[in-house]
Amino acid sequence: MGIEGPTLIFLVLTVITGLVITGLVLALPFYAIWTYHKRKLEEIRAHRDVRVTEETRRAMDELRQEFKQLRDNSSAYDVSIDTALQRLESRINNVEQRSRYSESVEQSNQIQVGRQ
């Protein structure tokens, strides 16, 4: 006595359906773990990108500060050099005036000596 016909087909389909349902039920936690892992990786990547952006922003702010200091220093040096040049120009003008005065005094002395 064996199982024949539609009963055999029904039993086979029931066993296969039971195995598929059992497989799906057992696979569901693995799928949940896998999707959780993928989501966490994406969150880590997003935070890393934000952190890189913040680090980049911080580095750019530091560079701006350094450029500001360099600009201030160069402006101070420009003012210092300009002041030094004005003092040199003033001294040269004084020396030239003294030279002209001494030349005119010598010429007037020579003229007076020549008349005598």
PDB file of N, CA and C in Angstrom:
ATOM      1  N   MET A   1       0.789  -1.159   0.000  1.00  0.00           N
ATOM      2  CA  MET A   1       0.000   0.000   0.000  1.00  0.00           C
ATOM      3  C   MET A   1       0.847   1.245   0.000  1.00  0.00           C
ATOM      4  N   GLY A   2       0.867   1.921  -0.957  1.00  0.00           N
ATOM      5  CA  GLY A   2       1.597   3.143  -1.043  1.00  0.00           C
ATOM      6  C   GLY A   2       0.679   4.311  -1.307  1.00  0.00           C
ATOM      7  N   ILE A   3       1.233   5.430  -1.196  1.00  0.00           N
ATOM      8  CA  ILE A   3       0.464   6.641  -1.427  1.00  0.00           C
ATOM      9  C   ILE A   3       0.555   6.918  -2.923  1.00  0.00           C
ATOM     10  N   GLU A   4      -0.601   7.118  -3.515  1.00  0.00           N
ATOM     11  CA  GLU A   4      -0.612   7.299  -4.952  1.00  0.00           C
ATOM     12  C   GLU A   4      -1.357   8.572  -5.356  1.00  0.00           C
ATOM     13  N   GLY A   5      -1.053   9.006  -6.555  1.00  0.00           N
ATOM     14  CA  GLY A   5      -1.806  10.036  -7.227  1.00  0.00           C
ATOM     15  C   GLY A   5      -1.791  11.394  -6.544  1.00  0.00           C
ATOM     16  N   PRO A   6      -2.992  11.969  -6.404  1.00  0.00           N
ATOM     17  CA  PRO A   6      -3.104  13.320  -5.901  1.00  0.00           C
ATOM     18  C   PRO A   6      -2.629  13.455  -4.455  1.00  0.00           C
ATOM     19  N   THR A   7      -2.729  12.403  -3.696  1.00  0.00           N
ATOM     20  CA  THR A   7      -2.274  12.462  -2.315  1.00  0.00           C
ATOM     21  C   THR A   7      -0.765  12.612  -2.268  1.00  0.00           C
ATOM     22  N   LEU A   8      -0.044  11.893  -3.121  1.00  0.00           N
ATOM     23  CA  LEU A   8       1.417  11.997  -3.174  1.00  0.00           C
ATOM     24  C   LEU A   8       1.842  13.408  -3.601  1.00  0.00           C
ATOM     25  N   ILE A   9       1.175  13.921  -4.583  1.00  0.00           N
ATOM     26  CA  ILE A   9       1.499  15.271  -5.064  1.00  0.00           C
ATOM     27  C   ILE A   9       1.219  16.290  -3.956  1.00  0.00           C
ATOM     28  N   PHE A  10       0.088  16.129  -3.257  1.00  0.00           N
ATOM     29  CA  PHE A  10      -0.242  17.051  -2.167  1.00  0.00           C
ATOM     30  C   PHE A  10       0.799  16.992  -1.060  1.00  0.00           C
ATOM     31  N   LEU A  11       1.254  15.773  -0.688  1.00  0.00           N
ATOM     32  CA  LEU A  11       2.261  15.629   0.365  1.00  0.00           C
ATOM     33  C   LEU A  11       3.592  16.255  -0.065  1.00  0.00           C
ATOM     34  N   VAL A  12       3.987  16.020  -1.290  1.00  0.00           N
ATOM     35  CA  VAL A  12       5.250  16.585  -1.797  1.00  0.00           C
ATOM     36  C   VAL A  12       5.157  18.112  -1.800  1.00  0.00           C
ATOM     37  N   LEU A  13       4.045  18.643  -2.301  1.00  0.00           N
ATOM     38  CA  LEU A  13       3.897  20.096  -2.322  1.00  0.00           C
ATOM     39  C   LEU A  13       3.850  20.673  -0.908  1.00  0.00           C
ATOM     40  N   THR A  14       3.231  19.982   0.020  1.00  0.00           N
ATOM     41  CA  THR A  14       3.166  20.446   1.401  1.00  0.00           C
ATOM     42  C   THR A  14       4.553  20.458   2.035  1.00  0.00           C
ATOM     43  N   VAL A  15       5.326  19.395   1.770  1.00  0.00           N
ATOM     44  CA  VAL A  15       6.698  19.342   2.312  1.00  0.00           C
ATOM     45  C   VAL A  15       7.548  20.457   1.705  1.00  0.00           C
ATOM     46  N   ILE A  16       7.444  20.639   0.392  1.00  0.00           N
ATOM     47  CA  ILE A  16       8.235  21.688  -0.267  1.00  0.00           C
ATOM     48  C   ILE A  16       7.808  23.073   0.251  1.00  0.00           C
ATOM     49  N   THR A  17       6.507  23.282   0.383  1.00  0.00           N
ATOM     50  CA  THR A  17       6.017  24.556   0.894  1.00  0.00           C
ATOM     51  C   THR A  17       6.496  24.781   2.322  1.00  0.00           C
ATOM     52  N   GLY A  18       6.467  23.747   3.130  1.00  0.00           N
ATOM     53  CA  GLY A  18       6.960  23.860   4.506  1.00  0.00           C
ATOM     54  C   GLY A  18       8.441  24.187   4.549  1.00  0.00           C
ATOM     55  N   LEU A  19       9.224  23.535   3.670  1.00  0.00           N
ATOM     56  CA  LEU A  19      10.664  23.833   3.621  1.00  0.00           C
ATOM     57  C   LEU A  19      10.920  25.269   3.174  1.00  0.00           C
ATOM     58  N   VAL A  20      10.169  25.737   2.185  1.00  0.00           N
ATOM     59  CA  VAL A  20      10.349  27.111   1.693  1.00  0.00           C
ATOM     60  C   VAL A  20       9.978  28.109   2.790  1.00  0.00           C
ATOM     61  N   ILE A  21       8.853  27.867   3.461  1.00  0.00           N
ATOM     62  CA  ILE A  21       8.441  28.779   4.529  1.00  0.00           C
ATOM     63  C   ILE A  21       9.458  28.763   5.665  1.00  0.00           C
ATOM     64  N   THR A  22       9.954  27.582   6.030  1.00  0.00           N
ATOM     65  CA  THR A  22      10.971  27.472   7.079  1.00  0.00           C
ATOM     66  C   THR A  22      12.246  28.194   6.649  1.00  0.00           C
ATOM     67  N   GLY A  23      12.637  28.024   5.393  1.00  0.00           N
ATOM     68  CA  GLY A  23      13.828  28.713   4.882  1.00  0.00           C
ATOM     69  C   GLY A  23      13.674  30.222   4.932  1.00  0.00           C
ATOM     70  N   LEU A  24      12.482  30.707   4.543  1.00  0.00           N
ATOM     71  CA  LEU A  24      12.241  32.150   4.587  1.00  0.00           C
ATOM     72  C   LEU A  24      12.257  32.676   6.020  1.00  0.00           C
ATOM     73  N   VAL A  25      11.659  31.939   6.918  1.00  0.00           N
ATOM     74  CA  VAL A  25      11.635  32.366   8.316  1.00  0.00           C
ATOM     75  C   VAL A  25      13.046  32.396   8.884  1.00  0.00           C
ATOM     76  N   LEU A  26      13.851  31.374   8.543  1.00  0.00           N
ATOM     77  CA  LEU A  26      15.231  31.345   9.044  1.00  0.00           C
ATOM     78  C   LEU A  26      16.118  32.377   8.351  1.00  0.00           C
ATOM     79  N   ALA A  27      15.797  32.728   7.097  1.00  0.00           N
ATOM     80  CA  ALA A  27      16.604  33.706   6.366  1.00  0.00           C
ATOM     81  C   ALA A  27      16.280  35.130   6.783  1.00  0.00           C
ATOM     82  N   LEU A  28      15.114  35.362   7.319  1.00  0.00           N
ATOM     83  CA  LEU A  28      14.702  36.708   7.688  1.00  0.00           C
ATOM     84  C   LEU A  28      15.647  37.386   8.682  1.00  0.00           C
ATOM     85  N   PRO A  29      16.097  36.736   9.758  1.00  0.00           N
ATOM     86  CA  PRO A  29      17.058  37.395  10.656  1.00  0.00           C
ATOM     87  C   PRO A  29      18.386  37.722   9.972  1.00  0.00           C
ATOM     88  N   PHE A  30      18.850  36.817   9.078  1.00  0.00           N
ATOM     89  CA  PHE A  30      20.098  37.097   8.365  1.00  0.00           C
ATOM     90  C   PHE A  30      19.942  38.308   7.445  1.00  0.00           C
ATOM     91  N   TYR A  31      18.774  38.402   6.792  1.00  0.00           N
ATOM     92  CA  TYR A  31      18.503  39.552   5.944  1.00  0.00           C
ATOM     93  C   TYR A  31      18.441  40.836   6.777  1.00  0.00           C
ATOM     94  N   ALA A  32      17.819  40.763   7.951  1.00  0.00           N
ATOM     95  CA  ALA A  32      17.737  41.934   8.833  1.00  0.00           C
ATOM     96  C   ALA A  32      19.130  42.346   9.294  1.00  0.00           C
ATOM     97  N   ILE A  33      19.970  41.387   9.651  1.00  0.00           N
ATOM     98  CA  ILE A  33      21.350  41.694  10.068  1.00  0.00           C
ATOM     99  C   ILE A  33      22.115  42.320   8.920  1.00  0.00           C
ATOM    100  N   TRP A  34      21.951  41.781   7.719  1.00  0.00           N
ATOM    101  CA  TRP A  34      22.675  42.284   6.553  1.00  0.00           C
ATOM    102  C   TRP A  34      22.250  43.723   6.234  1.00  0.00           C
ATOM    103  N   THR A  35      20.938  44.021   6.262  1.00  0.00           N
ATOM    104  CA  THR A  35      20.484  45.381   5.973  1.00  0.00           C
ATOM    105  C   THR A  35      20.899  46.345   7.075  1.00  0.00           C
ATOM    106  N   TYR A  36      20.914  45.891   8.331  1.00  0.00           N
ATOM    107  CA  TYR A  36      21.381  46.740   9.436  1.00  0.00           C
ATOM    108  C   TYR A  36      22.851  47.096   9.231  1.00  0.00           C
ATOM    109  N   HIS A  37      23.638  46.096   8.835  1.00  0.00           N
ATOM    110  CA  HIS A  37      25.069  46.315   8.588  1.00  0.00           C
ATOM    111  C   HIS A  37      25.265  47.326   7.459  1.00  0.00           C
ATOM    112  N   LYS A  38      24.513  47.180   6.368  1.00  0.00           N
ATOM    113  CA  LYS A  38      24.634  48.116   5.238  1.00  0.00           C
ATOM    114  C   LYS A  38      24.262  49.539   5.674  1.00  0.00           C
ATOM    115  N   ARG A  39      23.177  49.658   6.457  1.00  0.00           N
ATOM    116  CA  ARG A  39      22.740  50.971   6.918  1.00  0.00           C
ATOM    117  C   ARG A  39      23.791  51.617   7.804  1.00  0.00           C
ATOM    118  N   LYS A  40      24.383  50.834   8.701  1.00  0.00           N
ATOM    119  CA  LYS A  40      25.439  51.367   9.576  1.00  0.00           C
ATOM    120  C   LYS A  40      26.646  51.825   8.765  1.00  0.00           C
ATOM    121  N   LEU A  41      27.027  51.042   7.763  1.00  0.00           N
ATOM    122  CA  LEU A  41      28.154  51.456   6.911  1.00  0.00           C
ATOM    123  C   LEU A  41      27.858  52.789   6.220  1.00  0.00           C
ATOM    124  N   GLU A  42      26.659  52.964   5.729  1.00  0.00           N
ATOM    125  CA  GLU A  42      26.292  54.228   5.084  1.00  0.00           C
ATOM    126  C   GLU A  42      26.307  55.388   6.080  1.00  0.00           C
ATOM    127  N   GLU A  43      25.854  55.134   7.304  1.00  0.00           N
ATOM    128  CA  GLU A  43      25.903  56.176   8.326  1.00  0.00           C
ATOM    129  C   GLU A  43      27.339  56.567   8.646  1.00  0.00           C
ATOM    130  N   ILE A  44      28.207  55.561   8.745  1.00  0.00           N
ATOM    131  CA  ILE A  44      29.629  55.837   9.022  1.00  0.00           C
ATOM    132  C   ILE A  44      30.223  56.662   7.897  1.00  0.00           C
ATOM    133  N   ARG A  45      29.908  56.295   6.650  1.00  0.00           N
ATOM    134  CA  ARG A  45      30.431  57.059   5.507  1.00  0.00           C
ATOM    135  C   ARG A  45      29.920  58.498   5.533  1.00  0.00           C
ATOM    136  N   ALA A  46      28.647  58.656   5.866  1.00  0.00           N
ATOM    137  CA  ALA A  46      28.066  60.006   5.912  1.00  0.00           C
ATOM    138  C   ALA A  46      28.722  60.829   7.015  1.00  0.00           C
ATOM    139  N   HIS A  47      28.940  60.245   8.177  1.00  0.00           N
ATOM    140  CA  HIS A  47      29.598  60.974   9.267  1.00  0.00           C
ATOM    141  C   HIS A  47      31.040  61.301   8.916  1.00  0.00           C
ATOM    142  N   ARG A  48      31.702  60.372   8.236  1.00  0.00           N
ATOM    143  CA  ARG A  48      33.090  60.612   7.846  1.00  0.00           C
ATOM    144  C   ARG A  48      33.156  61.783   6.873  1.00  0.00           C
ATOM    145  N   ASP A  49      32.232  61.818   5.922  1.00  0.00           N
ATOM    146  CA  ASP A  49      32.205  62.922   4.958  1.00  0.00           C
ATOM    147  C   ASP A  49      31.940  64.239   5.659  1.00  0.00           C
ATOM    148  N   VAL A  50      31.032  64.227   6.627  1.00  0.00           N
ATOM    149  CA  VAL A  50      30.743  65.450   7.388  1.00  0.00           C
ATOM    150  C   VAL A  50      31.971  65.856   8.180  1.00  0.00           C
ATOM    151  N   ARG A  51      32.650  64.895   8.782  1.00  0.00           N
ATOM    152  CA  ARG A  51      33.838  65.197   9.571  1.00  0.00           C
ATOM    153  C   ARG A  51      34.942  65.752   8.675  1.00  0.00           C
ATOM    154  N   VAL A  52      35.099  65.155   7.491  1.00  0.00           N
ATOM    155  CA  VAL A  52      36.104  65.674   6.556  1.00  0.00           C
ATOM    156  C   VAL A  52      35.728  67.094   6.170  1.00  0.00           C
ATOM    157  N   THR A  53      34.474  67.335   5.958  1.00  0.00           N
ATOM    158  CA  THR A  53      34.044  68.677   5.600  1.00  0.00           C
ATOM    159  C   THR A  53      34.332  69.648   6.742  1.00  0.00           C
ATOM    160  N   GLU A  54      34.057  69.236   7.977  1.00  0.00           N
ATOM    161  CA  GLU A  54      34.349  70.100   9.117  1.00  0.00           C
ATOM    162  C   GLU A  54      35.842  70.318   9.259  1.00  0.00           C
ATOM    163  N   GLU A  55      36.631  69.262   9.061  1.00  0.00           N
ATOM    164  CA  GLU A  55      38.088  69.403   9.137  1.00  0.00           C
ATOM    165  C   GLU A  55      38.584  70.327   8.037  1.00  0.00           C
ATOM    166  N   THR A  56      38.024  70.170   6.851  1.00  0.00           N
ATOM    167  CA  THR A  56      38.425  71.036   5.743  1.00  0.00           C
ATOM    168  C   THR A  56      38.050  72.482   6.038  1.00  0.00           C
ATOM    169  N   ARG A  57      36.864  72.684   6.580  1.00  0.00           N
ATOM    170  CA  ARG A  57      36.418  74.033   6.915  1.00  0.00           C
ATOM    171  C   ARG A  57      37.340  74.640   7.976  1.00  0.00           C
ATOM    172  N   ARG A  58      37.705  73.832   8.972  1.00  0.00           N
ATOM    173  CA  ARG A  58      38.592  74.314  10.029  1.00  0.00           C
ATOM    174  C   ARG A  58      39.961  74.677   9.435  1.00  0.00           C
ATOM    175  N   ALA A  59      40.474  73.819   8.538  1.00  0.00           N
ATOM    176  CA  ALA A  59      41.777  74.098   7.913  1.00  0.00           C
ATOM    177  C   ALA A  59      41.708  75.375   7.077  1.00  0.00           C
ATOM    178  N   MET A  60      40.596  75.569   6.370  1.00  0.00           N
ATOM    179  CA  MET A  60      40.458  76.784   5.566  1.00  0.00           C
ATOM    180  C   MET A  60      40.399  78.018   6.449  1.00  0.00           C
ATOM    181  N   ASP A  61      39.711  77.921   7.586  1.00  0.00           N
ATOM    182  CA  ASP A  61      39.676  79.052   8.517  1.00  0.00           C
ATOM    183  C   ASP A  61      41.065  79.366   9.050  1.00  0.00           C
ATOM    184  N   GLU A  62      41.842  78.310   9.350  1.00  0.00           N
ATOM    185  CA  GLU A  62      43.219  78.533   9.820  1.00  0.00           C
ATOM    186  C   GLU A  62      44.057  79.201   8.740  1.00  0.00           C
ATOM    187  N   LEU A  63      43.894  78.768   7.496  1.00  0.00           N
ATOM    188  CA  LEU A  63      44.632  79.393   6.392  1.00  0.00           C
ATOM    189  C   LEU A  63      44.219  80.855   6.213  1.00  0.00           C
ATOM    190  N   ARG A  64      42.925  81.127   6.334  1.00  0.00           N
ATOM    191  CA  ARG A  64      42.487  82.520   6.244  1.00  0.00           C
ATOM    192  C   ARG A  64      43.140  83.376   7.328  1.00  0.00           C
ATOM    193  N   GLN A  65      43.200  82.817   8.531  1.00  0.00           N
ATOM    194  CA  GLN A  65      43.815  83.543   9.649  1.00  0.00           C
ATOM    195  C   GLN A  65      45.295  83.809   9.354  1.00  0.00           C
ATOM    196  N   GLU A  66      45.991  82.785   8.832  1.00  0.00           N
ATOM    197  CA  GLU A  66      47.409  82.967   8.504  1.00  0.00           C
ATOM    198  C   GLU A  66      47.588  84.019   7.412  1.00  0.00           C
ATOM    199  N   PHE A  67      46.717  83.983   6.384  1.00  0.00           N
ATOM    200  CA  PHE A  67      46.805  84.988   5.324  1.00  0.00           C
ATOM    201  C   PHE A  67      46.554  86.383   5.877  1.00  0.00           C
ATOM    202  N   LYS A  68      45.616  86.497   6.808  1.00  0.00           N
ATOM    203  CA  LYS A  68      45.342  87.791   7.427  1.00  0.00           C
ATOM    204  C   LYS A  68      46.568  88.287   8.172  1.00  0.00           C
ATOM    205  N   GLN A  69      47.225  87.397   8.916  1.00  0.00           N
ATOM    206  CA  GLN A  69      48.440  87.781   9.637  1.00  0.00           C
ATOM    207  C   GLN A  69      49.540  88.184   8.664  1.00  0.00           C
ATOM    208  N   LEU A  70      49.692  87.422   7.574  1.00  0.00           N
ATOM    209  CA  LEU A  70      50.700  87.779   6.571  1.00  0.00           C
ATOM    210  C   LEU A  70      50.396  89.142   5.950  1.00  0.00           C
ATOM    211  N   ARG A  71      49.122  89.391   5.667  1.00  0.00           N
ATOM    212  CA  ARG A  71      48.746  90.682   5.082  1.00  0.00           C
ATOM    213  C   ARG A  71      49.038  91.817   6.057  1.00  0.00           C
ATOM    214  N   ASP A  72      48.722  91.589   7.340  1.00  0.00           N
ATOM    215  CA  ASP A  72      49.009  92.607   8.353  1.00  0.00           C
ATOM    216  C   ASP A  72      50.508  92.848   8.473  1.00  0.00           C
ATOM    217  N   ASN A  73      51.281  91.754   8.481  1.00  0.00           N
ATOM    218  CA  ASN A  73      52.742  91.898   8.570  1.00  0.00           C
ATOM    219  C   ASN A  73      53.297  92.626   7.358  1.00  0.00           C
ATOM    220  N   SER A  74      52.814  92.259   6.165  1.00  0.00           N
ATOM    221  CA  SER A  74      53.342  92.927   4.971  1.00  0.00           C
ATOM    222  C   SER A  74      52.947  94.405   4.967  1.00  0.00           C
ATOM    223  N   SER A  75      51.747  94.714   5.453  1.00  0.00           N
ATOM    224  CA  SER A  75      51.345  96.132   5.537  1.00  0.00           C
ATOM    225  C   SER A  75      52.237  96.882   6.517  1.00  0.00           C
ATOM    226  N   ALA A  76      52.544  96.241   7.644  1.00  0.00           N
ATOM    227  CA  ALA A  76      53.424  96.877   8.628  1.00  0.00           C
ATOM    228  C   ALA A  76      54.816  97.099   8.030  1.00  0.00           C
ATOM    229  N   TYR A  77      55.313  96.101   7.279  1.00  0.00           N
ATOM    230  CA  TYR A  77      56.624  96.274   6.650  1.00  0.00           C
ATOM    231  C   TYR A  77      56.575  97.367   5.596  1.00  0.00           C
ATOM    232  N   ASP A  78      55.484  97.445   4.843  1.00  0.00           N
ATOM    233  CA  ASP A  78      55.355  98.509   3.842  1.00  0.00           C
ATOM    234  C   ASP A  78      55.412  99.880   4.506  1.00  0.00           C
ATOM    235  N   VAL A  79      54.692 100.046   5.591  1.00  0.00           N
ATOM    236  CA  VAL A  79      54.686 101.327   6.309  1.00  0.00           C
ATOM    237  C   VAL A  79      56.091 101.610   6.847  1.00  0.00           C
ATOM    238  N   SER A  80      56.737 100.584   7.382  1.00  0.00           N
ATOM    239  CA  SER A  80      58.080 100.751   7.928  1.00  0.00           C
ATOM    240  C   SER A  80      59.064 101.160   6.842  1.00  0.00           C
ATOM    241  N   ILE A  81      58.998 100.495   5.698  1.00  0.00           N
ATOM    242  CA  ILE A  81      59.905 100.829   4.589  1.00  0.00           C
ATOM    243  C   ILE A  81      59.602 102.226   4.075  1.00  0.00           C
ATOM    244  N   ASP A  82      58.332 102.572   3.964  1.00  0.00           N
ATOM    245  CA  ASP A  82      57.960 103.900   3.496  1.00  0.00           C
ATOM    246  C   ASP A  82      58.485 104.973   4.444  1.00  0.00           C
ATOM    247  N   THR A  83      58.363 104.746   5.734  1.00  0.00           N
ATOM    248  CA  THR A  83      58.878 105.699   6.727  1.00  0.00           C
ATOM    249  C   THR A  83      60.394 105.829   6.610  1.00  0.00           C
ATOM    250  N   ALA A  84      61.075 104.700   6.453  1.00  0.00           N
ATOM    251  CA  ALA A  84      62.538 104.720   6.323  1.00  0.00           C
ATOM    252  C   ALA A  84      62.949 105.481   5.061  1.00  0.00           C
ATOM    253  N   LEU A  85      62.233 105.269   3.961  1.00  0.00           N
ATOM    254  CA  LEU A  85      62.544 105.988   2.721  1.00  0.00           C
ATOM    255  C   LEU A  85      62.314 107.487   2.880  1.00  0.00           C
ATOM    256  N   GLN A  86      61.266 107.880   3.572  1.00  0.00           N
ATOM    257  CA  GLN A  86      61.013 109.307   3.791  1.00  0.00           C
ATOM    258  C   GLN A  86      62.128 109.925   4.631  1.00  0.00           C
ATOM    259  N   ARG A  87      62.596 109.175   5.651  1.00  0.00           N
ATOM    260  CA  ARG A  87      63.707 109.715   6.460  1.00  0.00           C
ATOM    261  C   ARG A  87      64.973 109.844   5.619  1.00  0.00           C
ATOM    262  N   LEU A  88      65.249 108.848   4.779  1.00  0.00           N
ATOM    263  CA  LEU A  88      66.438 108.930   3.916  1.00  0.00           C
ATOM    264  C   LEU A  88      66.319 110.107   2.948  1.00  0.00           C
ATOM    265  N   GLU A  89      65.134 110.267   2.384  1.00  0.00           N
ATOM    266  CA  GLU A  89      64.929 111.375   1.460  1.00  0.00           C
ATOM    267  C   GLU A  89      65.132 112.706   2.167  1.00  0.00           C
ATOM    268  N   SER A  90      64.634 112.830   3.379  1.00  0.00           N
ATOM    269  CA  SER A  90      64.810 114.057   4.147  1.00  0.00           C
ATOM    270  C   SER A  90      66.297 114.307   4.417  1.00  0.00           C
ATOM    271  N   ARG A  91      67.012 113.266   4.798  1.00  0.00           N
ATOM    272  CA  ARG A  91      68.457 113.422   5.068  1.00  0.00           C
ATOM    273  C   ARG A  91      69.218 113.814   3.805  1.00  0.00           C
ATOM    274  N   ILE A  92      68.854 113.195   2.689  1.00  0.00           N
ATOM    275  CA  ILE A  92      69.535 113.528   1.428  1.00  0.00           C
ATOM    276  C   ILE A  92      69.258 114.981   1.056  1.00  0.00           C
ATOM    277  N   ASN A  93      68.029 115.426   1.240  1.00  0.00           N
ATOM    278  CA  ASN A  93      67.708 116.835   0.955  1.00  0.00           C
ATOM    279  C   ASN A  93      68.521 117.764   1.850  1.00  0.00           C
ATOM    280  N   ASN A  94      68.644 117.422   3.129  1.00  0.00           N
ATOM    281  CA  ASN A  94      69.460 118.241   4.029  1.00  0.00           C
ATOM    282  C   ASN A  94      70.915 118.277   3.588  1.00  0.00           C
ATOM    283  N   VAL A  95      71.448 117.129   3.206  1.00  0.00           N
ATOM    284  CA  VAL A  95      72.853 117.084   2.749  1.00  0.00           C
ATOM    285  C   VAL A  95      73.011 117.910   1.477  1.00  0.00           C
ATOM    286  N   GLU A  96      72.051 117.806   0.545  1.00  0.00           N
ATOM    287  CA  GLU A  96      72.132 118.579  -0.693  1.00  0.00           C
ATOM    288  C   GLU A  96      72.063 120.079  -0.408  1.00  0.00           C
ATOM    289  N   GLN A  97      71.189 120.491   0.523  1.00  0.00           N
ATOM    290  CA  GLN A  97      71.086 121.904   0.859  1.00  0.00           C
ATOM    291  C   GLN A  97      72.380 122.397   1.485  1.00  0.00           C
ATOM    292  N   ARG A  98      72.959 121.597   2.374  1.00  0.00           N
ATOM    293  CA  ARG A  98      74.245 122.008   2.975  1.00  0.00           C
ATOM    294  C   ARG A  98      75.328 122.105   1.916  1.00  0.00           C
ATOM    295  N   SER A  99      75.310 121.149   0.982  1.00  0.00           N
ATOM    296  CA  SER A  99      76.319 121.160  -0.074  1.00  0.00           C
ATOM    297  C   SER A  99      76.159 122.408  -0.939  1.00  0.00           C
ATOM    298  N   ARG A 100      74.934 122.758  -1.297  1.00  0.00           N
ATOM    299  CA  ARG A 100      74.691 123.959  -2.101  1.00  0.00           C
ATOM    300  C   ARG A 100      75.093 125.215  -1.332  1.00  0.00           C
ATOM    301  N   TYR A 101      74.773 125.251  -0.040  1.00  0.00           N
ATOM    302  CA  TYR A 101      75.125 126.398   0.781  1.00  0.00           C
ATOM    303  C   TYR A 101      76.638 126.549   0.872  1.00  0.00           C
ATOM    304  N   SER A 102      77.321 125.433   1.109  1.00  0.00           N
ATOM    305  CA  SER A 102      78.784 125.535   1.227  1.00  0.00           C
ATOM    306  C   SER A 102      79.406 125.915  -0.107  1.00  0.00           C
ATOM    307  N   GLU A 103      78.833 125.465  -1.226  1.00  0.00           N
ATOM    308  CA  GLU A 103      79.349 125.838  -2.542  1.00  0.00           C
ATOM    309  C   GLU A 103      79.137 127.338  -2.784  1.00  0.00           C
ATOM    310  N   SER A 104      77.961 127.834  -2.407  1.00  0.00           N
ATOM    311  CA  SER A 104      77.696 129.258  -2.634  1.00  0.00           C
ATOM    312  C   SER A 104      78.580 130.109  -1.729  1.00  0.00           C
ATOM    313  N   VAL A 105      78.856 129.647  -0.500  1.00  0.00           N
ATOM    314  CA  VAL A 105      79.737 130.385   0.401  1.00  0.00           C
ATOM    315  C   VAL A 105      81.149 130.389  -0.171  1.00  0.00           C
ATOM    316  N   GLU A 106      81.605 129.258  -0.692  1.00  0.00           N
ATOM    317  CA  GLU A 106      82.965 129.201  -1.272  1.00  0.00           C
ATOM    318  C   GLU A 106      83.058 130.115  -2.484  1.00  0.00           C
ATOM    319  N   GLN A 107      82.017 130.120  -3.323  1.00  0.00           N
ATOM    320  CA  GLN A 107      82.048 130.981  -4.504  1.00  0.00           C
ATOM    321  C   GLN A 107      82.063 132.456  -4.105  1.00  0.00           C
ATOM    322  N   SER A 108      81.272 132.792  -3.102  1.00  0.00           N
ATOM    323  CA  SER A 108      81.263 134.200  -2.688  1.00  0.00           C
ATOM    324  C   SER A 108      82.604 134.566  -2.065  1.00  0.00           C
ATOM    325  N   ASN A 109      83.254 133.641  -1.351  1.00  0.00           N
ATOM    326  CA  ASN A 109      84.579 133.896  -0.791  1.00  0.00           C
ATOM    327  C   ASN A 109      85.597 134.065  -1.900  1.00  0.00           C
ATOM    328  N   GLN A 110      85.485 133.267  -2.945  1.00  0.00           N
ATOM    329  CA  GLN A 110      86.436 133.385  -4.052  1.00  0.00           C
ATOM    330  C   GLN A 110      86.239 134.706  -4.784  1.00  0.00           C
ATOM    331  N   ILE A 111      84.996 135.098  -4.921  1.00  0.00           N
ATOM    332  CA  ILE A 111      84.711 136.374  -5.584  1.00  0.00           C
ATOM    333  C   ILE A 111      85.271 137.522  -4.755  1.00  0.00           C
ATOM    334  N   GLN A 112      85.112 137.464  -3.450  1.00  0.00           N
ATOM    335  CA  GLN A 112      85.618 138.514  -2.583  1.00  0.00           C
ATOM    336  C   GLN A 112      87.140 138.499  -2.587  1.00  0.00           C
ATOM    337  N   VAL A 113      87.749 137.317  -2.622  1.00  0.00           N
ATOM    338  CA  VAL A 113      89.202 137.245  -2.631  1.00  0.00           C
ATOM    339  C   VAL A 113      89.703 137.774  -3.976  1.00  0.00           C
ATOM    340  N   GLY A 114      89.016 137.521  -5.066  1.00  0.00           N
ATOM    341  CA  GLY A 114      89.416 137.986  -6.386  1.00  0.00           C
ATOM    342  C   GLY A 114      89.326 139.490  -6.490  1.00  0.00           C
ATOM    343  N   ARG A 115      88.468 140.179  -5.798  1.00  0.00           N
ATOM    344  CA  ARG A 115      88.302 141.620  -5.854  1.00  0.00           C
ATOM    345  C   ARG A 115      89.410 142.324  -5.090  1.00  0.00           C
ATOM    346  N   GLN A 116      89.939 141.657  -4.189  1.00  0.00           N
ATOM    347  CA  GLN A 116      90.913 142.347  -3.354  1.00  0.00           C
ATOM    348  C   GLN A 116      92.212 142.465  -4.035  1.00  0.00           C
TER     349      GLN A 116
END
